[in-house]
Amino acid sequence: MVLGVVLAIKITAFALRLVFIGIILVGLYLFLGPLLGFG
């Protein structure tokens, strides 16, 4: 039972980290793209 909860928390944290990194990358792309002449 406890293992399941820990696993769920780890998976959720991993997913949130991926989403967070994705948002940052997209933000940088949209922000720096026009400045650097691409995107």
PDB file of N, CA and C in Angstrom:
ATOM      1  N   MET A   1       0.849  -1.204   0.000  1.00  0.00           N
ATOM      2  CA  MET A   1       0.000   0.000   0.000  1.00  0.00           C
ATOM      3  C   MET A   1       0.880   1.248   0.000  1.00  0.00           C
ATOM      4  N   VAL A   2       1.825   1.288   0.953  1.00  0.00           N
ATOM      5  CA  VAL A   2       2.718   2.443   1.053  1.00  0.00           C
ATOM      6  C   VAL A   2       3.585   2.555  -0.198  1.00  0.00           C
ATOM      7  N   LEU A   3       4.051   1.397  -0.706  1.00  0.00           N
ATOM      8  CA  LEU A   3       4.872   1.389  -1.916  1.00  0.00           C
ATOM      9  C   LEU A   3       4.112   1.980  -3.088  1.00  0.00           C
ATOM     10  N   GLY A   4       2.829   1.660  -3.187  1.00  0.00           N
ATOM     11  CA  GLY A   4       1.999   2.185  -4.272  1.00  0.00           C
ATOM     12  C   GLY A   4       1.910   3.697  -4.206  1.00  0.00           C
ATOM     13  N   VAL A   5       1.739   4.225  -2.999  1.00  0.00           N
ATOM     14  CA  VAL A   5       1.641   5.677  -2.818  1.00  0.00           C
ATOM     15  C   VAL A   5       2.957   6.348  -3.198  1.00  0.00           C
ATOM     16  N   VAL A   6       4.073   5.778  -2.735  1.00  0.00           N
ATOM     17  CA  VAL A   6       5.392   6.332  -3.048  1.00  0.00           C
ATOM     18  C   VAL A   6       5.625   6.308  -4.549  1.00  0.00           C
ATOM     19  N   LEU A   7       5.260   5.194  -5.192  1.00  0.00           N
ATOM     20  CA  LEU A   7       5.430   5.060  -6.639  1.00  0.00           C
ATOM     21  C   LEU A   7       4.598   6.100  -7.371  1.00  0.00           C
ATOM     22  N   ALA A   8       3.358   6.288  -6.923  1.00  0.00           N
ATOM     23  CA  ALA A   8       2.469   7.269  -7.552  1.00  0.00           C
ATOM     24  C   ALA A   8       3.050   8.678  -7.414  1.00  0.00           C
ATOM     25  N   ILE A   9       3.594   8.987  -6.246  1.00  0.00           N
ATOM     26  CA  ILE A   9       4.187  10.310  -6.016  1.00  0.00           C
ATOM     27  C   ILE A   9       5.396  10.516  -6.920  1.00  0.00           C
ATOM     28  N   LYS A  10       6.234   9.460  -7.039  1.00  0.00           N
ATOM     29  CA  LYS A  10       7.424   9.564  -7.893  1.00  0.00           C
ATOM     30  C   LYS A  10       7.030   9.765  -9.345  1.00  0.00           C
ATOM     31  N   ILE A  11       6.034   9.010  -9.813  1.00  0.00           N
ATOM     32  CA  ILE A  11       5.574   9.127 -11.200  1.00  0.00           C
ATOM     33  C   ILE A  11       5.001  10.516 -11.446  1.00  0.00           C
ATOM     34  N   THR A  12       4.209  11.016 -10.481  1.00  0.00           N
ATOM     35  CA  THR A  12       3.615  12.344 -10.616  1.00  0.00           C
ATOM     36  C   THR A  12       4.699  13.419 -10.660  1.00  0.00           C
ATOM     37  N   ALA A  13       5.686  13.297  -9.783  1.00  0.00           N
ATOM     38  CA  ALA A  13       6.782  14.265  -9.750  1.00  0.00           C
ATOM     39  C   ALA A  13       7.549  14.243 -11.062  1.00  0.00           C
ATOM     40  N   PHE A  14       7.771  13.030 -11.605  1.00  0.00           N
ATOM     41  CA  PHE A  14       8.484  12.890 -12.872  1.00  0.00           C
ATOM     42  C   PHE A  14       7.696  13.544 -13.995  1.00  0.00           C
ATOM     43  N   ALA A  15       6.391  13.297 -14.026  1.00  0.00           N
ATOM     44  CA  ALA A  15       5.532  13.870 -15.068  1.00  0.00           C
ATOM     45  C   ALA A  15       5.512  15.391 -14.962  1.00  0.00           C
ATOM     46  N   LEU A  16       5.391  15.910 -13.740  1.00  0.00           N
ATOM     47  CA  LEU A  16       5.367  17.360 -13.540  1.00  0.00           C
ATOM     48  C   LEU A  16       6.683  17.989 -13.979  1.00  0.00           C
ATOM     49  N   ARG A  17       7.791  17.263 -13.721  1.00  0.00           N
ATOM     50  CA  ARG A  17       9.096  17.770 -14.118  1.00  0.00           C
ATOM     51  C   ARG A  17       9.185  17.853 -15.639  1.00  0.00           C
ATOM     52  N   LEU A  18       8.685  16.817 -16.315  1.00  0.00           N
ATOM     53  CA  LEU A  18       8.687  16.813 -17.784  1.00  0.00           C
ATOM     54  C   LEU A  18       7.860  17.971 -18.321  1.00  0.00           C
ATOM     55  N   VAL A  19       6.678  18.179 -17.725  1.00  0.00           N
ATOM     56  CA  VAL A  19       5.801  19.267 -18.173  1.00  0.00           C
ATOM     57  C   VAL A  19       6.481  20.613 -17.942  1.00  0.00           C
ATOM     58  N   PHE A  20       7.101  20.755 -16.770  1.00  0.00           N
ATOM     59  CA  PHE A  20       7.782  22.000 -16.418  1.00  0.00           C
ATOM     60  C   PHE A  20       8.903  22.303 -17.407  1.00  0.00           C
ATOM     61  N   ILE A  21       9.728  21.278 -17.698  1.00  0.00           N
ATOM     62  CA  ILE A  21      10.824  21.444 -18.657  1.00  0.00           C
ATOM     63  C   ILE A  21      10.274  21.773 -20.033  1.00  0.00           C
ATOM     64  N   GLY A  22       9.184  21.110 -20.412  1.00  0.00           N
ATOM     65  CA  GLY A  22       8.564  21.361 -21.713  1.00  0.00           C
ATOM     66  C   GLY A  22       8.095  22.799 -21.834  1.00  0.00           C
ATOM     67  N   ILE A  23       7.461  23.301 -20.782  1.00  0.00           N
ATOM     68  CA  ILE A  23       6.963  24.683 -20.791  1.00  0.00           C
ATOM     69  C   ILE A  23       8.131  25.663 -20.914  1.00  0.00           C
ATOM     70  N   ILE A  24       9.210  25.390 -20.183  1.00  0.00           N
ATOM     71  CA  ILE A  24      10.385  26.261 -20.243  1.00  0.00           C
ATOM     72  C   ILE A  24      10.982  26.261 -21.646  1.00  0.00           C
ATOM     73  N   LEU A  25      11.109  25.060 -22.250  1.00  0.00           N
ATOM     74  CA  LEU A  25      11.689  24.962 -23.591  1.00  0.00           C
ATOM     75  C   LEU A  25      10.828  25.689 -24.611  1.00  0.00           C
ATOM     76  N   VAL A  26       9.514  25.500 -24.528  1.00  0.00           N
ATOM     77  CA  VAL A  26       8.606  26.174 -25.465  1.00  0.00           C
ATOM     78  C   VAL A  26       8.674  27.686 -25.261  1.00  0.00           C
ATOM     79  N   GLY A  27       8.723  28.109 -24.003  1.00  0.00           N
ATOM     80  CA  GLY A  27       8.811  29.532 -23.698  1.00  0.00           C
ATOM     81  C   GLY A  27      10.088  30.145 -24.251  1.00  0.00           C
ATOM     82  N   LEU A  28      11.208  29.450 -24.061  1.00  0.00           N
ATOM     83  CA  LEU A  28      12.480  29.935 -24.594  1.00  0.00           C
ATOM     84  C   LEU A  28      12.439  29.985 -26.108  1.00  0.00           C
ATOM     85  N   TYR A  29      11.836  28.961 -26.716  1.00  0.00           N
ATOM     86  CA  TYR A  29      11.757  28.904 -28.182  1.00  0.00           C
ATOM     87  C   TYR A  29      10.935  30.069 -28.716  1.00  0.00           C
ATOM     88  N   LEU A  30       9.776  30.309 -28.081  1.00  0.00           N
ATOM     89  CA  LEU A  30       8.900  31.384 -28.541  1.00  0.00           C
ATOM     90  C   LEU A  30       9.512  32.757 -28.263  1.00  0.00           C
ATOM     91  N   PHE A  31      10.275  32.855 -27.166  1.00  0.00           N
ATOM     92  CA  PHE A  31      10.862  34.140 -26.783  1.00  0.00           C
ATOM     93  C   PHE A  31      12.135  34.439 -27.578  1.00  0.00           C
ATOM     94  N   LEU A  32      13.017  33.428 -27.691  1.00  0.00           N
ATOM     95  CA  LEU A  32      14.299  33.638 -28.362  1.00  0.00           C
ATOM     96  C   LEU A  32      14.200  33.463 -29.867  1.00  0.00           C
ATOM     97  N   GLY A  33      13.232  32.675 -30.334  1.00  0.00           N
ATOM     98  CA  GLY A  33      13.072  32.417 -31.764  1.00  0.00           C
ATOM     99  C   GLY A  33      13.048  33.684 -32.601  1.00  0.00           C
ATOM    100  N   PRO A  34      12.098  34.582 -32.364  1.00  0.00           N
ATOM    101  CA  PRO A  34      12.016  35.824 -33.146  1.00  0.00           C
ATOM    102  C   PRO A  34      13.272  36.686 -32.996  1.00  0.00           C
ATOM    103  N   LEU A  35      13.884  36.677 -31.817  1.00  0.00           N
ATOM    104  CA  LEU A  35      15.074  37.494 -31.591  1.00  0.00           C
ATOM    105  C   LEU A  35      16.248  36.999 -32.419  1.00  0.00           C
ATOM    106  N   LEU A  36      16.337  35.657 -32.554  1.00  0.00           N
ATOM    107  CA  LEU A  36      17.474  35.074 -33.267  1.00  0.00           C
ATOM    108  C   LEU A  36      17.172  34.852 -34.739  1.00  0.00           C
ATOM    109  N   GLY A  37      15.925  35.118 -35.142  1.00  0.00           N
ATOM    110  CA  GLY A  37      15.584  35.029 -36.552  1.00  0.00           C
ATOM    111  C   GLY A  37      15.071  33.673 -36.985  1.00  0.00           C
ATOM    112  N   PHE A  38      14.652  32.834 -36.051  1.00  0.00           N
ATOM    113  CA  PHE A  38      14.033  31.561 -36.424  1.00  0.00           C
ATOM    114  C   PHE A  38      12.809  31.330 -35.560  1.00  0.00           C
ATOM    115  N   GLY A  39      11.998  30.321 -35.920  1.00  0.00           N
ATOM    116  CA  GLY A  39      10.806  30.017 -35.157  1.00  0.00           C
ATOM    117  C   GLY A  39       9.582  30.744 -35.667  1.00  0.00           C
TER     118      GLY A  39
END
